[in-house]
Amino acid sequence: MISTGDMKRGATIELDGRVYQVMEFAHIKTGRGSAQMRMKLRDVRRGDTIEKTFQAGEKWPRVRVERVPMQLSYVDGDMYYFMNTENYEQTHLTKDTLGDAVDYLTPNLNIKIEFFDGKAVGVELPQTVELTVVETEPGLRSATASSVTKPAKTETGLVVQVPPFINEGERIKVDTSEGAYLSRA
């Protein structure tokens, strides 16, 4: 069983006889009453999304998904092709199925693809990825790490707030759970 306190993005649960993957969630605490959790869920079989609100402490059956190590081979339009690193079989996922994960996918990145009933339903990203900055304001030589940041566009299109000393062409580490700059790579 998985409860609202144990919830994380990418978790797969059973709700009303259907299997859903958690796309987003937020804890909501109002002035009166108990805390609630608002979740955006994607039906893994049909692909449609719903939003639901639950009371804190609710529990659901956890659905077991198989996680297979794979590597991103190439991207063709909205299709992302992955290769199994053990038996070299290929599978593909659409941009809609991947969701926000497309902002972190670079060629040859090792990830885990989640399968349910033989169908690829999502990905499990590493905790951090290295991305190249392709567009940002010029850096300052004398700038040191401080609370001042500037936006930087990465090779995948993700915009990250970085310190002022980061320049175009530099590699940075980005936290995949927060989408935040961690350090130079």
N, C-alpha and C. Protein backbone atom coordinates (compact mmCIF):
# COMPACT_ATOMS: atom_id res chain seq x y z
N MET A 1 0.85 -1.19 0.00
CA MET A 1 0.00 0.00 0.00
C MET A 1 0.89 1.25 0.00
N ILE A 2 0.41 2.26 -0.66
CA ILE A 2 1.12 3.54 -0.70
C ILE A 2 0.16 4.61 -0.19
N SER A 3 0.65 5.47 0.69
CA SER A 3 -0.20 6.52 1.27
C SER A 3 0.19 7.88 0.71
N THR A 4 -0.59 8.89 1.06
CA THR A 4 -0.32 10.24 0.57
C THR A 4 1.05 10.74 1.04
N GLY A 5 1.50 10.33 2.20
CA GLY A 5 2.79 10.75 2.73
C GLY A 5 3.97 10.13 2.00
N ASP A 6 3.76 8.98 1.36
CA ASP A 6 4.83 8.28 0.64
C ASP A 6 4.82 8.59 -0.85
N MET A 7 3.92 9.44 -1.29
CA MET A 7 3.72 9.68 -2.72
C MET A 7 4.92 10.38 -3.33
N LYS A 8 5.24 10.01 -4.58
CA LYS A 8 6.27 10.69 -5.35
C LYS A 8 5.89 10.63 -6.82
N ARG A 9 6.47 11.54 -7.60
CA ARG A 9 6.20 11.54 -9.04
C ARG A 9 6.65 10.23 -9.64
N GLY A 10 5.83 9.70 -10.55
CA GLY A 10 6.17 8.46 -11.22
C GLY A 10 5.64 7.23 -10.53
N ALA A 11 5.11 7.36 -9.31
CA ALA A 11 4.55 6.20 -8.61
C ALA A 11 3.34 5.69 -9.39
N THR A 12 3.12 4.39 -9.35
CA THR A 12 2.00 3.77 -10.06
C THR A 12 1.06 3.19 -9.02
N ILE A 13 -0.22 3.60 -9.08
CA ILE A 13 -1.21 3.16 -8.10
C ILE A 13 -2.45 2.63 -8.81
N GLU A 14 -3.25 1.86 -8.06
CA GLU A 14 -4.53 1.39 -8.57
C GLU A 14 -5.63 2.20 -7.89
N LEU A 15 -6.53 2.75 -8.70
CA LEU A 15 -7.61 3.59 -8.19
C LEU A 15 -8.87 3.30 -9.00
N ASP A 16 -9.94 2.91 -8.35
CA ASP A 16 -11.22 2.61 -9.01
C ASP A 16 -11.06 1.56 -10.11
N GLY A 17 -10.23 0.56 -9.88
CA GLY A 17 -10.05 -0.51 -10.85
C GLY A 17 -9.16 -0.17 -12.03
N ARG A 18 -8.57 1.01 -12.04
CA ARG A 18 -7.68 1.42 -13.12
C ARG A 18 -6.28 1.65 -12.57
N VAL A 19 -5.30 1.61 -13.46
CA VAL A 19 -3.92 1.81 -13.07
C VAL A 19 -3.49 3.21 -13.53
N TYR A 20 -3.01 4.01 -12.57
CA TYR A 20 -2.61 5.39 -12.85
C TYR A 20 -1.15 5.60 -12.45
N GLN A 21 -0.51 6.51 -13.18
CA GLN A 21 0.83 6.95 -12.82
C GLN A 21 0.73 8.39 -12.36
N VAL A 22 1.39 8.72 -11.25
CA VAL A 22 1.33 10.07 -10.68
C VAL A 22 2.25 10.98 -11.50
N MET A 23 1.65 12.00 -12.13
CA MET A 23 2.42 12.96 -12.93
C MET A 23 2.88 14.13 -12.06
N GLU A 24 1.96 14.65 -11.25
CA GLU A 24 2.26 15.77 -10.35
C GLU A 24 1.44 15.60 -9.09
N PHE A 25 1.92 16.17 -8.00
CA PHE A 25 1.13 16.18 -6.77
C PHE A 25 1.52 17.38 -5.93
N ALA A 26 0.59 17.82 -5.10
CA ALA A 26 0.84 18.95 -4.22
C ALA A 26 0.05 18.76 -2.93
N HIS A 27 0.72 18.99 -1.81
CA HIS A 27 0.05 18.95 -0.52
C HIS A 27 -0.64 20.29 -0.29
N ILE A 28 -1.89 20.24 0.15
CA ILE A 28 -2.66 21.46 0.38
C ILE A 28 -3.11 21.47 1.84
N LYS A 29 -2.76 22.51 2.55
CA LYS A 29 -3.17 22.65 3.94
C LYS A 29 -4.01 23.91 4.06
N THR A 30 -5.27 23.73 4.36
CA THR A 30 -6.16 24.87 4.51
C THR A 30 -6.18 25.31 5.97
N GLY A 31 -6.76 26.46 6.23
CA GLY A 31 -6.82 26.99 7.59
C GLY A 31 -7.60 26.08 8.53
N ARG A 32 -8.68 25.52 8.03
CA ARG A 32 -9.48 24.61 8.84
C ARG A 32 -9.51 23.24 8.17
N GLY A 33 -9.73 22.23 8.95
CA GLY A 33 -9.85 20.89 8.39
C GLY A 33 -8.50 20.22 8.21
N SER A 34 -8.55 19.03 7.64
CA SER A 34 -7.33 18.26 7.47
C SER A 34 -6.63 18.61 6.17
N ALA A 35 -5.39 18.19 6.08
CA ALA A 35 -4.61 18.44 4.87
C ALA A 35 -5.14 17.57 3.73
N GLN A 36 -4.91 18.04 2.53
CA GLN A 36 -5.34 17.30 1.34
C GLN A 36 -4.18 17.20 0.37
N MET A 37 -4.35 16.32 -0.60
CA MET A 37 -3.35 16.18 -1.65
C MET A 37 -4.06 16.21 -3.00
N ARG A 38 -3.59 17.11 -3.86
CA ARG A 38 -4.13 17.20 -5.22
C ARG A 38 -3.13 16.51 -6.14
N MET A 39 -3.63 15.56 -6.95
CA MET A 39 -2.76 14.80 -7.83
C MET A 39 -3.25 14.85 -9.27
N LYS A 40 -2.30 14.91 -10.18
CA LYS A 40 -2.58 14.78 -11.60
C LYS A 40 -2.13 13.37 -11.97
N LEU A 41 -3.08 12.55 -12.44
CA LEU A 41 -2.82 11.15 -12.71
C LEU A 41 -3.03 10.83 -14.19
N ARG A 42 -2.16 9.92 -14.71
CA ARG A 42 -2.31 9.49 -16.11
C ARG A 42 -2.63 8.01 -16.11
N ASP A 43 -3.73 7.66 -16.81
CA ASP A 43 -4.13 6.27 -16.97
C ASP A 43 -3.09 5.59 -17.86
N VAL A 44 -2.41 4.55 -17.35
CA VAL A 44 -1.32 3.95 -18.11
C VAL A 44 -1.81 3.14 -19.31
N ARG A 45 -3.05 2.70 -19.29
CA ARG A 45 -3.56 1.92 -20.41
C ARG A 45 -4.14 2.81 -21.51
N ARG A 46 -4.88 3.83 -21.13
CA ARG A 46 -5.56 4.68 -22.12
C ARG A 46 -4.80 5.97 -22.43
N GLY A 47 -3.98 6.44 -21.49
CA GLY A 47 -3.19 7.63 -21.72
C GLY A 47 -3.84 8.94 -21.31
N ASP A 48 -5.13 8.93 -20.93
CA ASP A 48 -5.78 10.18 -20.54
C ASP A 48 -5.38 10.57 -19.12
N THR A 49 -5.49 11.87 -18.81
CA THR A 49 -5.10 12.37 -17.49
C THR A 49 -6.32 12.91 -16.75
N ILE A 50 -6.26 12.78 -15.43
CA ILE A 50 -7.31 13.31 -14.56
C ILE A 50 -6.64 14.02 -13.39
N GLU A 51 -7.40 14.89 -12.72
CA GLU A 51 -6.94 15.51 -11.49
C GLU A 51 -7.91 15.14 -10.39
N LYS A 52 -7.36 14.72 -9.26
CA LYS A 52 -8.19 14.33 -8.12
C LYS A 52 -7.59 14.89 -6.84
N THR A 53 -8.46 15.11 -5.86
CA THR A 53 -8.05 15.57 -4.54
C THR A 53 -8.37 14.48 -3.53
N PHE A 54 -7.43 14.19 -2.65
CA PHE A 54 -7.59 13.15 -1.64
C PHE A 54 -7.28 13.71 -0.26
N GLN A 55 -7.86 13.09 0.77
CA GLN A 55 -7.57 13.46 2.14
C GLN A 55 -6.21 12.90 2.53
N ALA A 56 -5.50 13.60 3.40
CA ALA A 56 -4.20 13.13 3.88
C ALA A 56 -4.39 11.78 4.59
N GLY A 57 -3.48 10.87 4.33
CA GLY A 57 -3.54 9.56 4.98
C GLY A 57 -4.24 8.48 4.16
N GLU A 58 -4.86 8.84 3.03
CA GLU A 58 -5.50 7.82 2.19
C GLU A 58 -4.44 6.88 1.65
N LYS A 59 -4.85 5.62 1.41
CA LYS A 59 -3.92 4.62 0.89
C LYS A 59 -4.51 3.93 -0.33
N TRP A 60 -3.60 3.52 -1.22
CA TRP A 60 -4.01 2.81 -2.43
C TRP A 60 -3.08 1.63 -2.64
N PRO A 61 -3.55 0.61 -3.37
CA PRO A 61 -2.64 -0.50 -3.70
C PRO A 61 -1.57 -0.01 -4.67
N ARG A 62 -0.33 -0.36 -4.37
CA ARG A 62 0.79 -0.01 -5.25
C ARG A 62 0.83 -1.04 -6.37
N VAL A 63 0.96 -0.57 -7.58
CA VAL A 63 1.05 -1.45 -8.73
C VAL A 63 2.53 -1.66 -9.05
N ARG A 64 2.92 -2.89 -9.21
CA ARG A 64 4.31 -3.20 -9.50
C ARG A 64 4.56 -3.05 -10.99
N VAL A 65 5.57 -2.30 -11.30
CA VAL A 65 5.99 -2.13 -12.69
C VAL A 65 7.41 -2.67 -12.81
N GLU A 66 7.72 -3.19 -13.98
CA GLU A 66 9.06 -3.70 -14.24
C GLU A 66 9.92 -2.55 -14.74
N ARG A 67 11.07 -2.35 -14.13
CA ARG A 67 11.99 -1.30 -14.55
C ARG A 67 13.17 -1.93 -15.29
N VAL A 68 13.30 -1.56 -16.56
CA VAL A 68 14.32 -2.15 -17.43
C VAL A 68 15.37 -1.08 -17.76
N PRO A 69 16.67 -1.38 -17.54
CA PRO A 69 17.70 -0.39 -17.89
C PRO A 69 17.78 -0.21 -19.41
N MET A 70 17.70 1.04 -19.84
CA MET A 70 17.74 1.37 -21.26
C MET A 70 18.56 2.62 -21.48
N GLN A 71 18.87 2.87 -22.74
CA GLN A 71 19.66 4.03 -23.13
C GLN A 71 18.95 4.73 -24.28
N LEU A 72 18.89 6.07 -24.22
CA LEU A 72 18.27 6.83 -25.30
C LEU A 72 19.13 6.71 -26.54
N SER A 73 18.56 6.19 -27.64
CA SER A 73 19.29 6.04 -28.89
C SER A 73 19.18 7.30 -29.73
N TYR A 74 17.93 7.70 -30.03
CA TYR A 74 17.73 8.89 -30.85
C TYR A 74 16.30 9.38 -30.72
N VAL A 75 16.08 10.60 -31.22
CA VAL A 75 14.76 11.24 -31.19
C VAL A 75 14.35 11.52 -32.62
N ASP A 76 13.10 11.19 -32.95
CA ASP A 76 12.57 11.46 -34.28
C ASP A 76 11.21 12.14 -34.11
N GLY A 77 11.21 13.48 -34.18
CA GLY A 77 9.97 14.23 -33.96
C GLY A 77 9.51 14.10 -32.52
N ASP A 78 8.31 13.56 -32.32
CA ASP A 78 7.77 13.35 -30.98
C ASP A 78 8.00 11.94 -30.46
N MET A 79 8.79 11.14 -31.18
CA MET A 79 9.07 9.77 -30.78
C MET A 79 10.50 9.67 -30.23
N TYR A 80 10.62 9.02 -29.09
CA TYR A 80 11.91 8.83 -28.44
C TYR A 80 12.21 7.33 -28.45
N TYR A 81 13.36 6.95 -29.03
CA TYR A 81 13.72 5.54 -29.19
C TYR A 81 14.80 5.16 -28.18
N PHE A 82 14.54 4.06 -27.47
CA PHE A 82 15.43 3.58 -26.42
C PHE A 82 15.90 2.17 -26.74
N MET A 83 17.13 1.85 -26.31
CA MET A 83 17.68 0.52 -26.51
C MET A 83 17.93 -0.14 -25.16
N ASN A 84 17.46 -1.39 -25.04
CA ASN A 84 17.71 -2.17 -23.85
C ASN A 84 19.20 -2.45 -23.77
N THR A 85 19.85 -2.12 -22.66
CA THR A 85 21.30 -2.26 -22.55
C THR A 85 21.73 -3.71 -22.31
N GLU A 86 20.77 -4.61 -22.06
CA GLU A 86 21.12 -6.01 -21.83
C GLU A 86 20.95 -6.86 -23.09
N ASN A 87 19.82 -6.69 -23.81
CA ASN A 87 19.57 -7.54 -24.97
C ASN A 87 19.44 -6.75 -26.28
N TYR A 88 19.67 -5.45 -26.24
CA TYR A 88 19.69 -4.57 -27.41
C TYR A 88 18.35 -4.43 -28.15
N GLU A 89 17.26 -4.83 -27.53
CA GLU A 89 15.94 -4.61 -28.13
C GLU A 89 15.61 -3.13 -28.03
N GLN A 90 14.82 -2.66 -29.00
CA GLN A 90 14.44 -1.25 -28.99
C GLN A 90 12.97 -1.09 -28.65
N THR A 91 12.67 0.02 -28.00
CA THR A 91 11.29 0.41 -27.72
C THR A 91 11.20 1.91 -27.92
N HIS A 92 10.00 2.40 -28.14
CA HIS A 92 9.83 3.84 -28.32
C HIS A 92 8.70 4.35 -27.45
N LEU A 93 8.82 5.60 -27.06
CA LEU A 93 7.81 6.29 -26.27
C LEU A 93 7.53 7.63 -26.90
N THR A 94 6.28 8.09 -26.75
CA THR A 94 5.92 9.40 -27.29
C THR A 94 6.28 10.49 -26.28
N LYS A 95 6.33 11.70 -26.77
CA LYS A 95 6.63 12.85 -25.92
C LYS A 95 5.56 12.99 -24.82
N ASP A 96 4.30 12.68 -25.15
CA ASP A 96 3.21 12.77 -24.16
C ASP A 96 3.40 11.76 -23.04
N THR A 97 3.84 10.55 -23.36
CA THR A 97 4.06 9.53 -22.35
C THR A 97 5.21 9.92 -21.43
N LEU A 98 6.25 10.51 -21.99
CA LEU A 98 7.42 10.89 -21.20
C LEU A 98 7.18 12.10 -20.31
N GLY A 99 6.29 13.00 -20.72
CA GLY A 99 5.99 14.18 -19.92
C GLY A 99 7.19 15.09 -19.75
N ASP A 100 7.43 15.53 -18.52
CA ASP A 100 8.54 16.45 -18.22
C ASP A 100 9.92 15.81 -18.36
N ALA A 101 9.98 14.49 -18.45
CA ALA A 101 11.26 13.80 -18.56
C ALA A 101 12.01 14.18 -19.83
N VAL A 102 11.30 14.65 -20.87
CA VAL A 102 11.98 15.02 -22.12
C VAL A 102 12.97 16.16 -21.91
N ASP A 103 12.78 16.96 -20.88
CA ASP A 103 13.69 18.07 -20.59
C ASP A 103 15.06 17.60 -20.11
N TYR A 104 15.18 16.33 -19.75
CA TYR A 104 16.43 15.79 -19.20
C TYR A 104 17.06 14.72 -20.08
N LEU A 105 16.41 14.34 -21.17
CA LEU A 105 16.89 13.25 -22.01
C LEU A 105 17.89 13.72 -23.05
N THR A 106 19.08 13.16 -22.99
CA THR A 106 20.14 13.44 -23.97
C THR A 106 20.58 12.11 -24.56
N PRO A 107 21.12 12.11 -25.77
CA PRO A 107 21.57 10.85 -26.38
C PRO A 107 22.55 10.09 -25.48
N ASN A 108 22.39 8.78 -25.44
CA ASN A 108 23.22 7.85 -24.66
C ASN A 108 23.01 7.95 -23.16
N LEU A 109 21.97 8.65 -22.70
CA LEU A 109 21.66 8.72 -21.27
C LEU A 109 21.08 7.38 -20.81
N ASN A 110 21.62 6.83 -19.73
CA ASN A 110 21.11 5.58 -19.17
C ASN A 110 19.98 5.88 -18.20
N ILE A 111 18.82 5.29 -18.45
CA ILE A 111 17.64 5.47 -17.59
C ILE A 111 16.98 4.11 -17.39
N LYS A 112 15.85 4.10 -16.70
CA LYS A 112 15.07 2.89 -16.56
C LYS A 112 13.67 3.16 -17.13
N ILE A 113 13.24 2.31 -18.04
CA ILE A 113 11.90 2.40 -18.61
C ILE A 113 10.99 1.52 -17.77
N GLU A 114 9.81 2.04 -17.43
CA GLU A 114 8.86 1.29 -16.62
C GLU A 114 7.85 0.61 -17.53
N PHE A 115 7.68 -0.71 -17.34
CA PHE A 115 6.75 -1.50 -18.13
C PHE A 115 5.65 -2.03 -17.24
N PHE A 116 4.40 -1.97 -17.74
CA PHE A 116 3.25 -2.56 -17.05
C PHE A 116 2.50 -3.39 -18.08
N ASP A 117 2.32 -4.65 -17.81
CA ASP A 117 1.67 -5.59 -18.74
C ASP A 117 2.33 -5.56 -20.12
N GLY A 118 3.65 -5.47 -20.14
CA GLY A 118 4.39 -5.49 -21.39
C GLY A 118 4.39 -4.20 -22.18
N LYS A 119 3.76 -3.14 -21.64
CA LYS A 119 3.70 -1.86 -22.34
C LYS A 119 4.53 -0.83 -21.57
N ALA A 120 5.36 -0.06 -22.30
CA ALA A 120 6.15 0.99 -21.68
C ALA A 120 5.22 2.11 -21.24
N VAL A 121 5.29 2.48 -19.95
CA VAL A 121 4.38 3.48 -19.42
C VAL A 121 5.08 4.73 -18.90
N GLY A 122 6.40 4.70 -18.73
CA GLY A 122 7.09 5.87 -18.22
C GLY A 122 8.56 5.60 -18.03
N VAL A 123 9.25 6.58 -17.46
CA VAL A 123 10.70 6.46 -17.24
C VAL A 123 11.05 6.82 -15.81
N GLU A 124 12.16 6.25 -15.35
CA GLU A 124 12.74 6.63 -14.07
C GLU A 124 14.10 7.26 -14.38
N LEU A 125 14.19 8.55 -14.14
CA LEU A 125 15.42 9.29 -14.46
C LEU A 125 16.45 9.14 -13.35
N PRO A 126 17.73 9.33 -13.68
CA PRO A 126 18.74 9.38 -12.62
C PRO A 126 18.51 10.64 -11.76
N GLN A 127 19.09 10.69 -10.59
CA GLN A 127 18.91 11.83 -9.69
C GLN A 127 19.43 13.12 -10.32
N THR A 128 20.57 13.03 -11.04
CA THR A 128 21.12 14.22 -11.69
C THR A 128 21.50 13.88 -13.13
N VAL A 129 21.47 14.90 -13.98
CA VAL A 129 21.93 14.76 -15.36
C VAL A 129 22.86 15.92 -15.69
N GLU A 130 23.72 15.70 -16.68
CA GLU A 130 24.61 16.76 -17.14
C GLU A 130 24.07 17.31 -18.46
N LEU A 131 23.88 18.62 -18.51
CA LEU A 131 23.37 19.28 -19.71
C LEU A 131 24.30 20.41 -20.12
N THR A 132 24.29 20.73 -21.40
CA THR A 132 25.11 21.82 -21.92
C THR A 132 24.27 23.08 -22.04
N VAL A 133 24.80 24.20 -21.58
CA VAL A 133 24.12 25.49 -21.69
C VAL A 133 24.30 25.98 -23.13
N VAL A 134 23.17 26.27 -23.80
CA VAL A 134 23.26 26.74 -25.19
C VAL A 134 22.92 28.21 -25.33
N GLU A 135 22.27 28.78 -24.31
CA GLU A 135 21.91 30.19 -24.41
C GLU A 135 21.78 30.79 -23.01
N THR A 136 22.53 31.85 -22.77
CA THR A 136 22.44 32.60 -21.51
C THR A 136 23.14 33.93 -21.69
N GLU A 137 22.93 34.83 -20.76
CA GLU A 137 23.61 36.12 -20.80
C GLU A 137 25.10 35.89 -20.55
N PRO A 138 25.97 36.78 -21.03
CA PRO A 138 27.40 36.61 -20.77
C PRO A 138 27.70 36.58 -19.28
N GLY A 139 28.66 35.74 -18.91
CA GLY A 139 29.03 35.59 -17.51
C GLY A 139 29.95 36.70 -17.05
N LEU A 140 30.08 36.83 -15.75
CA LEU A 140 30.96 37.84 -15.16
C LEU A 140 32.16 37.13 -14.55
N ARG A 141 33.37 37.59 -14.88
CA ARG A 141 34.58 36.94 -14.37
C ARG A 141 34.67 37.02 -12.85
N SER A 142 34.33 38.14 -12.30
CA SER A 142 34.51 38.33 -10.86
C SER A 142 33.31 37.82 -10.05
N ALA A 143 32.30 37.29 -10.74
CA ALA A 143 31.10 36.83 -10.02
C ALA A 143 31.43 35.57 -9.23
N THR A 144 30.94 35.52 -8.02
CA THR A 144 31.07 34.33 -7.18
C THR A 144 29.68 33.83 -6.88
N ALA A 145 29.61 32.64 -6.33
CA ALA A 145 28.31 32.05 -6.02
C ALA A 145 27.58 32.95 -5.02
N SER A 146 26.39 33.31 -5.36
CA SER A 146 25.56 34.14 -4.48
C SER A 146 24.11 33.83 -4.78
N SER A 147 23.21 34.60 -4.21
CA SER A 147 21.79 34.35 -4.43
C SER A 147 21.30 34.92 -5.76
N VAL A 148 22.15 35.63 -6.48
CA VAL A 148 21.79 36.20 -7.78
C VAL A 148 21.89 35.09 -8.83
N THR A 149 20.85 34.97 -9.66
CA THR A 149 20.86 33.96 -10.72
C THR A 149 20.40 34.58 -12.03
N LYS A 150 20.60 33.82 -13.10
CA LYS A 150 20.14 34.24 -14.42
C LYS A 150 19.62 33.00 -15.12
N PRO A 151 18.69 33.17 -16.08
CA PRO A 151 18.17 32.00 -16.79
C PRO A 151 19.18 31.49 -17.82
N ALA A 152 19.23 30.17 -17.96
CA ALA A 152 20.10 29.54 -18.95
C ALA A 152 19.31 28.43 -19.65
N LYS A 153 19.32 28.46 -20.98
CA LYS A 153 18.63 27.44 -21.76
C LYS A 153 19.61 26.32 -22.06
N THR A 154 19.18 25.07 -21.82
CA THR A 154 20.05 23.92 -22.05
C THR A 154 19.77 23.29 -23.42
N GLU A 155 20.58 22.31 -23.78
CA GLU A 155 20.47 21.64 -25.07
C GLU A 155 19.12 20.96 -25.27
N THR A 156 18.42 20.62 -24.20
CA THR A 156 17.12 19.95 -24.31
C THR A 156 15.95 20.94 -24.33
N GLY A 157 16.24 22.22 -24.12
CA GLY A 157 15.19 23.23 -24.08
C GLY A 157 14.78 23.62 -22.67
N LEU A 158 15.29 22.92 -21.67
CA LEU A 158 15.00 23.22 -20.27
C LEU A 158 15.67 24.54 -19.89
N VAL A 159 14.92 25.42 -19.22
CA VAL A 159 15.48 26.68 -18.73
C VAL A 159 15.71 26.54 -17.23
N VAL A 160 16.96 26.76 -16.82
CA VAL A 160 17.39 26.59 -15.43
C VAL A 160 17.97 27.91 -14.94
N GLN A 161 17.71 28.25 -13.68
CA GLN A 161 18.32 29.42 -13.07
C GLN A 161 19.73 29.03 -12.62
N VAL A 162 20.74 29.75 -13.12
CA VAL A 162 22.14 29.43 -12.82
C VAL A 162 22.84 30.65 -12.23
N PRO A 163 23.99 30.46 -11.58
CA PRO A 163 24.77 31.60 -11.07
C PRO A 163 25.31 32.43 -12.24
N PRO A 164 25.67 33.69 -11.98
CA PRO A 164 26.11 34.58 -13.06
C PRO A 164 27.42 34.19 -13.74
N PHE A 165 28.23 33.31 -13.14
CA PHE A 165 29.51 32.94 -13.75
C PHE A 165 29.39 31.82 -14.80
N ILE A 166 28.21 31.27 -15.00
CA ILE A 166 28.01 30.22 -16.01
C ILE A 166 27.88 30.85 -17.38
N ASN A 167 28.59 30.30 -18.37
CA ASN A 167 28.58 30.82 -19.74
C ASN A 167 28.03 29.78 -20.71
N GLU A 168 27.74 30.23 -21.93
CA GLU A 168 27.29 29.32 -22.98
C GLU A 168 28.37 28.30 -23.26
N GLY A 169 27.95 27.07 -23.54
CA GLY A 169 28.88 26.00 -23.85
C GLY A 169 29.35 25.20 -22.64
N GLU A 170 29.08 25.69 -21.43
CA GLU A 170 29.50 24.97 -20.23
C GLU A 170 28.52 23.84 -19.92
N ARG A 171 29.04 22.79 -19.27
CA ARG A 171 28.22 21.66 -18.84
C ARG A 171 27.85 21.89 -17.37
N ILE A 172 26.57 21.67 -17.06
CA ILE A 172 26.10 21.84 -15.69
C ILE A 172 25.37 20.58 -15.23
N LYS A 173 25.34 20.37 -13.92
CA LYS A 173 24.57 19.28 -13.33
C LYS A 173 23.22 19.84 -12.91
N VAL A 174 22.16 19.11 -13.26
CA VAL A 174 20.80 19.53 -12.94
C VAL A 174 20.10 18.42 -12.17
N ASP A 175 19.43 18.79 -11.09
CA ASP A 175 18.64 17.85 -10.29
C ASP A 175 17.35 17.57 -11.06
N THR A 176 17.07 16.30 -11.37
CA THR A 176 15.90 15.96 -12.18
C THR A 176 14.59 16.05 -11.39
N SER A 177 14.63 15.94 -10.08
CA SER A 177 13.38 16.02 -9.31
C SER A 177 12.91 17.46 -9.15
N GLU A 178 13.84 18.41 -9.09
CA GLU A 178 13.50 19.81 -8.88
C GLU A 178 13.67 20.65 -10.14
N GLY A 179 14.47 20.18 -11.08
CA GLY A 179 14.79 20.97 -12.26
C GLY A 179 15.68 22.15 -11.91
N ALA A 180 16.56 21.94 -10.94
CA ALA A 180 17.39 23.03 -10.42
C ALA A 180 18.86 22.76 -10.67
N TYR A 181 19.61 23.86 -10.87
CA TYR A 181 21.07 23.82 -11.04
C TYR A 181 21.72 23.32 -9.76
N LEU A 182 22.70 22.42 -9.90
CA LEU A 182 23.45 21.93 -8.74
C LEU A 182 24.89 22.43 -8.75
N SER A 183 25.57 22.25 -9.90
CA SER A 183 26.98 22.64 -9.99
C SER A 183 27.45 22.56 -11.44
N ARG A 184 28.70 22.99 -11.66
CA ARG A 184 29.31 22.73 -12.96
C ARG A 184 29.61 21.24 -13.06
N ALA A 185 29.59 20.73 -14.28
CA ALA A 185 29.88 19.30 -14.45
C ALA A 185 31.35 19.06 -14.69
